[in-house]
Amino acid sequence: MISFWKIQLSRRQVITIIIGIIATIYIVWYVFDALEGFNPDYRPMRPASTWAPKTGNEFFDPSKETPEAQSAK
């Protein structure tokens, strides 16, 4: 069995491990804080502007018959 008391770490290794643990805790905290107000069912409202894209195609109506092609004489 490995005894954790016998592991010899240099100061540089200890500092690196501590900085890594602090960075990991900060990243996890930041992600949880950023996702706190996240709503997966969010639907953006349609803008009231006249420049908003239209939902239908006003130039194509499948119920209308197409005019016959005119031959050039």
PDB file of N, CA and C in Angstrom:
ATOM      1  N   MET A   1       0.841  -1.175   0.000  1.00  0.00           N
ATOM      2  CA  MET A   1       0.000   0.000   0.000  1.00  0.00           C
ATOM      3  C   MET A   1       0.889   1.242   0.000  1.00  0.00           C
ATOM      4  N   ILE A   2       0.463   2.223  -0.756  1.00  0.00           N
ATOM      5  CA  ILE A   2       1.251   3.449  -0.858  1.00  0.00           C
ATOM      6  C   ILE A   2       0.958   4.328   0.347  1.00  0.00           C
ATOM      7  N   SER A   3       1.988   4.747   0.977  1.00  0.00           N
ATOM      8  CA  SER A   3       1.826   5.653   2.107  1.00  0.00           C
ATOM      9  C   SER A   3       1.949   7.095   1.606  1.00  0.00           C
ATOM     10  N   PHE A   4       0.923   7.880   1.828  1.00  0.00           N
ATOM     11  CA  PHE A   4       0.935   9.254   1.336  1.00  0.00           C
ATOM     12  C   PHE A   4       1.905  10.139   2.113  1.00  0.00           C
ATOM     13  N   TRP A   5       2.341   9.687   3.277  1.00  0.00           N
ATOM     14  CA  TRP A   5       3.283  10.483   4.052  1.00  0.00           C
ATOM     15  C   TRP A   5       4.690  10.392   3.490  1.00  0.00           C
ATOM     16  N   LYS A   6       4.952   9.360   2.695  1.00  0.00           N
ATOM     17  CA  LYS A   6       6.298   9.170   2.164  1.00  0.00           C
ATOM     18  C   LYS A   6       6.502   9.827   0.809  1.00  0.00           C
ATOM     19  N   ILE A   7       5.461  10.400   0.232  1.00  0.00           N
ATOM     20  CA  ILE A   7       5.603  11.054  -1.066  1.00  0.00           C
ATOM     21  C   ILE A   7       6.324  12.381  -0.861  1.00  0.00           C
ATOM     22  N   GLN A   8       7.403  12.533  -1.569  1.00  0.00           N
ATOM     23  CA  GLN A   8       8.188  13.761  -1.457  1.00  0.00           C
ATOM     24  C   GLN A   8       7.863  14.659  -2.645  1.00  0.00           C
ATOM     25  N   LEU A   9       7.309  15.832  -2.375  1.00  0.00           N
ATOM     26  CA  LEU A   9       6.990  16.791  -3.420  1.00  0.00           C
ATOM     27  C   LEU A   9       7.834  18.037  -3.228  1.00  0.00           C
ATOM     28  N   SER A  10       8.295  18.577  -4.329  1.00  0.00           N
ATOM     29  CA  SER A  10       9.067  19.814  -4.239  1.00  0.00           C
ATOM     30  C   SER A  10       8.108  20.984  -4.040  1.00  0.00           C
ATOM     31  N   ARG A  11       8.672  22.132  -3.692  1.00  0.00           N
ATOM     32  CA  ARG A  11       7.828  23.322  -3.509  1.00  0.00           C
ATOM     33  C   ARG A  11       7.115  23.686  -4.801  1.00  0.00           C
ATOM     34  N   ARG A  12       7.812  23.560  -5.900  1.00  0.00           N
ATOM     35  CA  ARG A  12       7.217  23.889  -7.196  1.00  0.00           C
ATOM     36  C   ARG A  12       6.015  22.984  -7.482  1.00  0.00           C
ATOM     37  N   GLN A  13       6.115  21.704  -7.182  1.00  0.00           N
ATOM     38  CA  GLN A  13       5.003  20.774  -7.402  1.00  0.00           C
ATOM     39  C   GLN A  13       3.817  21.109  -6.496  1.00  0.00           C
ATOM     40  N   VAL A  14       4.084  21.443  -5.244  1.00  0.00           N
ATOM     41  CA  VAL A  14       3.013  21.783  -4.306  1.00  0.00           C
ATOM     42  C   VAL A  14       2.297  23.052  -4.772  1.00  0.00           C
ATOM     43  N   ILE A  15       3.058  24.063  -5.175  1.00  0.00           N
ATOM     44  CA  ILE A  15       2.458  25.311  -5.648  1.00  0.00           C
ATOM     45  C   ILE A  15       1.657  25.070  -6.916  1.00  0.00           C
ATOM     46  N   THR A  16       2.176  24.263  -7.824  1.00  0.00           N
ATOM     47  CA  THR A  16       1.462  23.954  -9.066  1.00  0.00           C
ATOM     48  C   THR A  16       0.156  23.224  -8.774  1.00  0.00           C
ATOM     49  N   ILE A  17       0.182  22.276  -7.850  1.00  0.00           N
ATOM     50  CA  ILE A  17      -1.029  21.535  -7.488  1.00  0.00           C
ATOM     51  C   ILE A  17      -2.063  22.468  -6.858  1.00  0.00           C
ATOM     52  N   ILE A  18      -1.625  23.341  -5.962  1.00  0.00           N
ATOM     53  CA  ILE A  18      -2.547  24.281  -5.312  1.00  0.00           C
ATOM     54  C   ILE A  18      -3.153  25.235  -6.339  1.00  0.00           C
ATOM     55  N   ILE A  19      -2.340  25.773  -7.239  1.00  0.00           N
ATOM     56  CA  ILE A  19      -2.859  26.672  -8.281  1.00  0.00           C
ATOM     57  C   ILE A  19      -3.832  25.923  -9.191  1.00  0.00           C
ATOM     58  N   GLY A  20      -3.535  24.676  -9.515  1.00  0.00           N
ATOM     59  CA  GLY A  20      -4.439  23.882 -10.344  1.00  0.00           C
ATOM     60  C   GLY A  20      -5.782  23.638  -9.668  1.00  0.00           C
ATOM     61  N   ILE A  21      -5.751  23.354  -8.386  1.00  0.00           N
ATOM     62  CA  ILE A  21      -6.989  23.124  -7.645  1.00  0.00           C
ATOM     63  C   ILE A  21      -7.806  24.416  -7.568  1.00  0.00           C
ATOM     64  N   ILE A  22      -7.150  25.542  -7.304  1.00  0.00           N
ATOM     65  CA  ILE A  22      -7.855  26.826  -7.233  1.00  0.00           C
ATOM     66  C   ILE A  22      -8.446  27.180  -8.599  1.00  0.00           C
ATOM     67  N   ALA A  23      -7.690  26.960  -9.670  1.00  0.00           N
ATOM     68  CA  ALA A  23      -8.198  27.257 -11.013  1.00  0.00           C
ATOM     69  C   ALA A  23      -9.392  26.375 -11.347  1.00  0.00           C
ATOM     70  N   THR A  24      -9.345  25.108 -10.983  1.00  0.00           N
ATOM     71  CA  THR A  24     -10.459  24.201 -11.243  1.00  0.00           C
ATOM     72  C   THR A  24     -11.712  24.633 -10.482  1.00  0.00           C
ATOM     73  N   ILE A  25     -11.549  25.002  -9.221  1.00  0.00           N
ATOM     74  CA  ILE A  25     -12.692  25.463  -8.426  1.00  0.00           C
ATOM     75  C   ILE A  25     -13.276  26.732  -9.032  1.00  0.00           C
ATOM     76  N   TYR A  26     -12.430  27.659  -9.475  1.00  0.00           N
ATOM     77  CA  TYR A  26     -12.913  28.902 -10.066  1.00  0.00           C
ATOM     78  C   TYR A  26     -13.676  28.645 -11.363  1.00  0.00           C
ATOM     79  N   ILE A  27     -13.165  27.764 -12.217  1.00  0.00           N
ATOM     80  CA  ILE A  27     -13.840  27.468 -13.493  1.00  0.00           C
ATOM     81  C   ILE A  27     -15.195  26.821 -13.254  1.00  0.00           C
ATOM     82  N   VAL A  28     -15.267  25.874 -12.331  1.00  0.00           N
ATOM     83  CA  VAL A  28     -16.544  25.225 -12.019  1.00  0.00           C
ATOM     84  C   VAL A  28     -17.529  26.243 -11.449  1.00  0.00           C
ATOM     85  N   TRP A  29     -17.074  27.119 -10.552  1.00  0.00           N
ATOM     86  CA  TRP A  29     -17.936  28.156  -9.995  1.00  0.00           C
ATOM     87  C   TRP A  29     -18.431  29.095 -11.101  1.00  0.00           C
ATOM     88  N   TYR A  30     -17.543  29.488 -12.014  1.00  0.00           N
ATOM     89  CA  TYR A  30     -17.906  30.407 -13.093  1.00  0.00           C
ATOM     90  C   TYR A  30     -18.959  29.791 -14.011  1.00  0.00           C
ATOM     91  N   VAL A  31     -18.811  28.526 -14.359  1.00  0.00           N
ATOM     92  CA  VAL A  31     -19.773  27.860 -15.233  1.00  0.00           C
ATOM     93  C   VAL A  31     -21.132  27.750 -14.547  1.00  0.00           C
ATOM     94  N   PHE A  32     -21.165  27.347 -13.296  1.00  0.00           N
ATOM     95  CA  PHE A  32     -22.438  27.255 -12.574  1.00  0.00           C
ATOM     96  C   PHE A  32     -23.097  28.622 -12.451  1.00  0.00           C
ATOM     97  N   ASP A  33     -22.310  29.657 -12.207  1.00  0.00           N
ATOM     98  CA  ASP A  33     -22.863  31.003 -12.095  1.00  0.00           C
ATOM     99  C   ASP A  33     -23.391  31.488 -13.447  1.00  0.00           C
ATOM    100  N   ALA A  34     -22.716  31.149 -14.530  1.00  0.00           N
ATOM    101  CA  ALA A  34     -23.166  31.567 -15.859  1.00  0.00           C
ATOM    102  C   ALA A  34     -24.441  30.837 -16.267  1.00  0.00           C
ATOM    103  N   LEU A  35     -24.604  29.606 -15.847  1.00  0.00           N
ATOM    104  CA  LEU A  35     -25.776  28.825 -16.222  1.00  0.00           C
ATOM    105  C   LEU A  35     -26.958  29.046 -15.281  1.00  0.00           C
ATOM    106  N   GLU A  36     -26.794  29.855 -14.272  1.00  0.00           N
ATOM    107  CA  GLU A  36     -27.856  30.055 -13.286  1.00  0.00           C
ATOM    108  C   GLU A  36     -29.115  30.640 -13.913  1.00  0.00           C
ATOM    109  N   GLY A  37     -28.980  31.619 -14.796  1.00  0.00           N
ATOM    110  CA  GLY A  37     -30.143  32.233 -15.409  1.00  0.00           C
ATOM    111  C   GLY A  37     -30.509  31.627 -16.751  1.00  0.00           C
ATOM    112  N   PHE A  38     -29.887  30.523 -17.110  1.00  0.00           N
ATOM    113  CA  PHE A  38     -30.130  29.895 -18.405  1.00  0.00           C
ATOM    114  C   PHE A  38     -31.474  29.192 -18.419  1.00  0.00           C
ATOM    115  N   ASN A  39     -32.275  29.477 -19.441  1.00  0.00           N
ATOM    116  CA  ASN A  39     -33.583  28.858 -19.593  1.00  0.00           C
ATOM    117  C   ASN A  39     -33.592  28.091 -20.910  1.00  0.00           C
ATOM    118  N   PRO A  40     -33.604  26.763 -20.896  1.00  0.00           N
ATOM    119  CA  PRO A  40     -33.559  26.005 -22.154  1.00  0.00           C
ATOM    120  C   PRO A  40     -34.821  26.151 -22.992  1.00  0.00           C
ATOM    121  N   ASP A  41     -35.918  26.643 -22.408  1.00  0.00           N
ATOM    122  CA  ASP A  41     -37.165  26.813 -23.156  1.00  0.00           C
ATOM    123  C   ASP A  41     -37.340  28.237 -23.666  1.00  0.00           C
ATOM    124  N   TYR A  42     -36.285  29.044 -23.655  1.00  0.00           N
ATOM    125  CA  TYR A  42     -36.371  30.440 -24.067  1.00  0.00           C
ATOM    126  C   TYR A  42     -36.628  30.535 -25.567  1.00  0.00           C
ATOM    127  N   ARG A  43     -37.608  31.362 -25.933  1.00  0.00           N
ATOM    128  CA  ARG A  43     -37.912  31.653 -27.332  1.00  0.00           C
ATOM    129  C   ARG A  43     -37.846  33.165 -27.501  1.00  0.00           C
ATOM    130  N   PRO A  44     -36.970  33.675 -28.349  1.00  0.00           N
ATOM    131  CA  PRO A  44     -36.881  35.117 -28.501  1.00  0.00           C
ATOM    132  C   PRO A  44     -38.159  35.678 -29.113  1.00  0.00           C
ATOM    133  N   MET A  45     -38.526  36.874 -28.678  1.00  0.00           N
ATOM    134  CA  MET A  45     -39.729  37.510 -29.191  1.00  0.00           C
ATOM    135  C   MET A  45     -39.481  38.026 -30.597  1.00  0.00           C
ATOM    136  N   ARG A  46     -40.522  38.029 -31.402  1.00  0.00           N
ATOM    137  CA  ARG A  46     -40.417  38.548 -32.752  1.00  0.00           C
ATOM    138  C   ARG A  46     -40.368  40.067 -32.674  1.00  0.00           C
ATOM    139  N   PRO A  47     -39.421  40.684 -33.390  1.00  0.00           N
ATOM    140  CA  PRO A  47     -39.332  42.146 -33.326  1.00  0.00           C
ATOM    141  C   PRO A  47     -40.543  42.806 -33.969  1.00  0.00           C
ATOM    142  N   ALA A  48     -40.919  43.965 -33.450  1.00  0.00           N
ATOM    143  CA  ALA A  48     -42.076  44.683 -33.955  1.00  0.00           C
ATOM    144  C   ALA A  48     -41.717  45.540 -35.160  1.00  0.00           C
ATOM    145  N   SER A  49     -40.518  45.433 -35.645  1.00  0.00           N
ATOM    146  CA  SER A  49     -40.053  46.241 -36.757  1.00  0.00           C
ATOM    147  C   SER A  49     -40.697  45.793 -38.064  1.00  0.00           C
ATOM    148  N   THR A  50     -40.808  46.715 -39.004  1.00  0.00           N
ATOM    149  CA  THR A  50     -41.334  46.370 -40.328  1.00  0.00           C
ATOM    150  C   THR A  50     -40.301  45.613 -41.141  1.00  0.00           C
ATOM    151  N   TRP A  51     -39.069  45.628 -40.696  1.00  0.00           N
ATOM    152  CA  TRP A  51     -38.010  44.925 -41.408  1.00  0.00           C
ATOM    153  C   TRP A  51     -37.902  43.466 -40.976  1.00  0.00           C
ATOM    154  N   ALA A  52     -38.768  43.034 -40.120  1.00  0.00           N
ATOM    155  CA  ALA A  52     -38.733  41.652 -39.636  1.00  0.00           C
ATOM    156  C   ALA A  52     -39.072  40.709 -40.789  1.00  0.00           C
ATOM    157  N   PRO A  53     -38.436  39.553 -40.846  1.00  0.00           N
ATOM    158  CA  PRO A  53     -38.735  38.612 -41.931  1.00  0.00           C
ATOM    159  C   PRO A  53     -40.165  38.100 -41.833  1.00  0.00           C
ATOM    160  N   LYS A  54     -40.760  37.896 -42.969  1.00  0.00           N
ATOM    161  CA  LYS A  54     -42.138  37.409 -43.017  1.00  0.00           C
ATOM    162  C   LYS A  54     -42.135  35.888 -42.896  1.00  0.00           C
ATOM    163  N   THR A  55     -43.216  35.360 -42.346  1.00  0.00           N
ATOM    164  CA  THR A  55     -43.283  33.917 -42.135  1.00  0.00           C
ATOM    165  C   THR A  55     -43.750  33.189 -43.383  1.00  0.00           C
ATOM    166  N   GLY A  56     -44.530  33.827 -44.227  1.00  0.00           N
ATOM    167  CA  GLY A  56     -45.042  33.165 -45.422  1.00  0.00           C
ATOM    168  C   GLY A  56     -44.395  33.714 -46.679  1.00  0.00           C
ATOM    169  N   ASN A  57     -44.640  33.041 -47.798  1.00  0.00           N
ATOM    170  CA  ASN A  57     -44.128  33.496 -49.078  1.00  0.00           C
ATOM    171  C   ASN A  57     -45.296  34.091 -49.850  1.00  0.00           C
ATOM    172  N   GLU A  58     -45.275  35.406 -50.052  1.00  0.00           N
ATOM    173  CA  GLU A  58     -46.392  36.062 -50.707  1.00  0.00           C
ATOM    174  C   GLU A  58     -46.360  35.908 -52.227  1.00  0.00           C
ATOM    175  N   PHE A  59     -45.272  35.435 -52.786  1.00  0.00           N
ATOM    176  CA  PHE A  59     -45.156  35.298 -54.235  1.00  0.00           C
ATOM    177  C   PHE A  59     -45.532  33.901 -54.722  1.00  0.00           C
ATOM    178  N   PHE A  60     -45.621  32.950 -53.826  1.00  0.00           N
ATOM    179  CA  PHE A  60     -45.932  31.582 -54.225  1.00  0.00           C
ATOM    180  C   PHE A  60     -47.174  31.111 -53.483  1.00  0.00           C
ATOM    181  N   ASP A  61     -48.176  30.717 -54.255  1.00  0.00           N
ATOM    182  CA  ASP A  61     -49.404  30.181 -53.678  1.00  0.00           C
ATOM    183  C   ASP A  61     -49.694  28.867 -54.391  1.00  0.00           C
ATOM    184  N   PRO A  62     -49.550  27.729 -53.740  1.00  0.00           N
ATOM    185  CA  PRO A  62     -49.728  26.451 -54.418  1.00  0.00           C
ATOM    186  C   PRO A  62     -51.173  26.192 -54.851  1.00  0.00           C
ATOM    187  N   SER A  63     -52.132  26.945 -54.310  1.00  0.00           N
ATOM    188  CA  SER A  63     -53.524  26.714 -54.694  1.00  0.00           C
ATOM    189  C   SER A  63     -53.859  27.376 -56.034  1.00  0.00           C
ATOM    190  N   LYS A  64     -53.041  28.319 -56.484  1.00  0.00           N
ATOM    191  CA  LYS A  64     -53.288  28.980 -57.761  1.00  0.00           C
ATOM    192  C   LYS A  64     -52.718  28.140 -58.900  1.00  0.00           C
ATOM    193  N   GLU A  65     -53.369  28.240 -60.050  1.00  0.00           N
ATOM    194  CA  GLU A  65     -52.851  27.542 -61.223  1.00  0.00           C
ATOM    195  C   GLU A  65     -51.796  28.413 -61.887  1.00  0.00           C
ATOM    196  N   THR A  66     -50.808  27.765 -62.464  1.00  0.00           N
ATOM    197  CA  THR A  66     -49.760  28.518 -63.137  1.00  0.00           C
ATOM    198  C   THR A  66     -50.220  28.885 -64.532  1.00  0.00           C
ATOM    199  N   PRO A  67     -49.907  30.081 -65.005  1.00  0.00           N
ATOM    200  CA  PRO A  67     -50.293  30.456 -66.356  1.00  0.00           C
ATOM    201  C   PRO A  67     -49.467  29.658 -67.381  1.00  0.00           C
ATOM    202  N   GLU A  68     -50.076  29.382 -68.506  1.00  0.00           N
ATOM    203  CA  GLU A  68     -49.380  28.639 -69.566  1.00  0.00           C
ATOM    204  C   GLU A  68     -48.287  29.513 -70.146  1.00  0.00           C
ATOM    205  N   ALA A  69     -47.210  28.876 -70.545  1.00  0.00           N
ATOM    206  CA  ALA A  69     -46.085  29.615 -71.133  1.00  0.00           C
ATOM    207  C   ALA A  69     -46.477  30.097 -72.511  1.00  0.00           C
ATOM    208  N   GLN A  70     -46.139  31.338 -72.819  1.00  0.00           N
ATOM    209  CA  GLN A  70     -46.429  31.916 -74.127  1.00  0.00           C
ATOM    210  C   GLN A  70     -45.272  31.626 -75.055  1.00  0.00           C
ATOM    211  N   SER A  71     -45.562  31.162 -76.238  1.00  0.00           N
ATOM    212  CA  SER A  71     -44.496  30.906 -77.201  1.00  0.00           C
ATOM    213  C   SER A  71     -44.222  32.183 -77.968  1.00  0.00           C
ATOM    214  N   ALA A  72     -42.956  32.456 -78.233  1.00  0.00           N
ATOM    215  CA  ALA A  72     -42.569  33.657 -78.970  1.00  0.00           C
ATOM    216  C   ALA A  72     -42.792  33.433 -80.453  1.00  0.00           C
ATOM    217  N   LYS A  73     -43.471  34.389 -81.166  1.00  0.00           N
ATOM    218  CA  LYS A  73     -43.734  34.235 -82.592  1.00  0.00           C
ATOM    219  C   LYS A  73     -42.951  35.204 -83.410  1.00  0.00           C
TER     220      LYS A  73
END
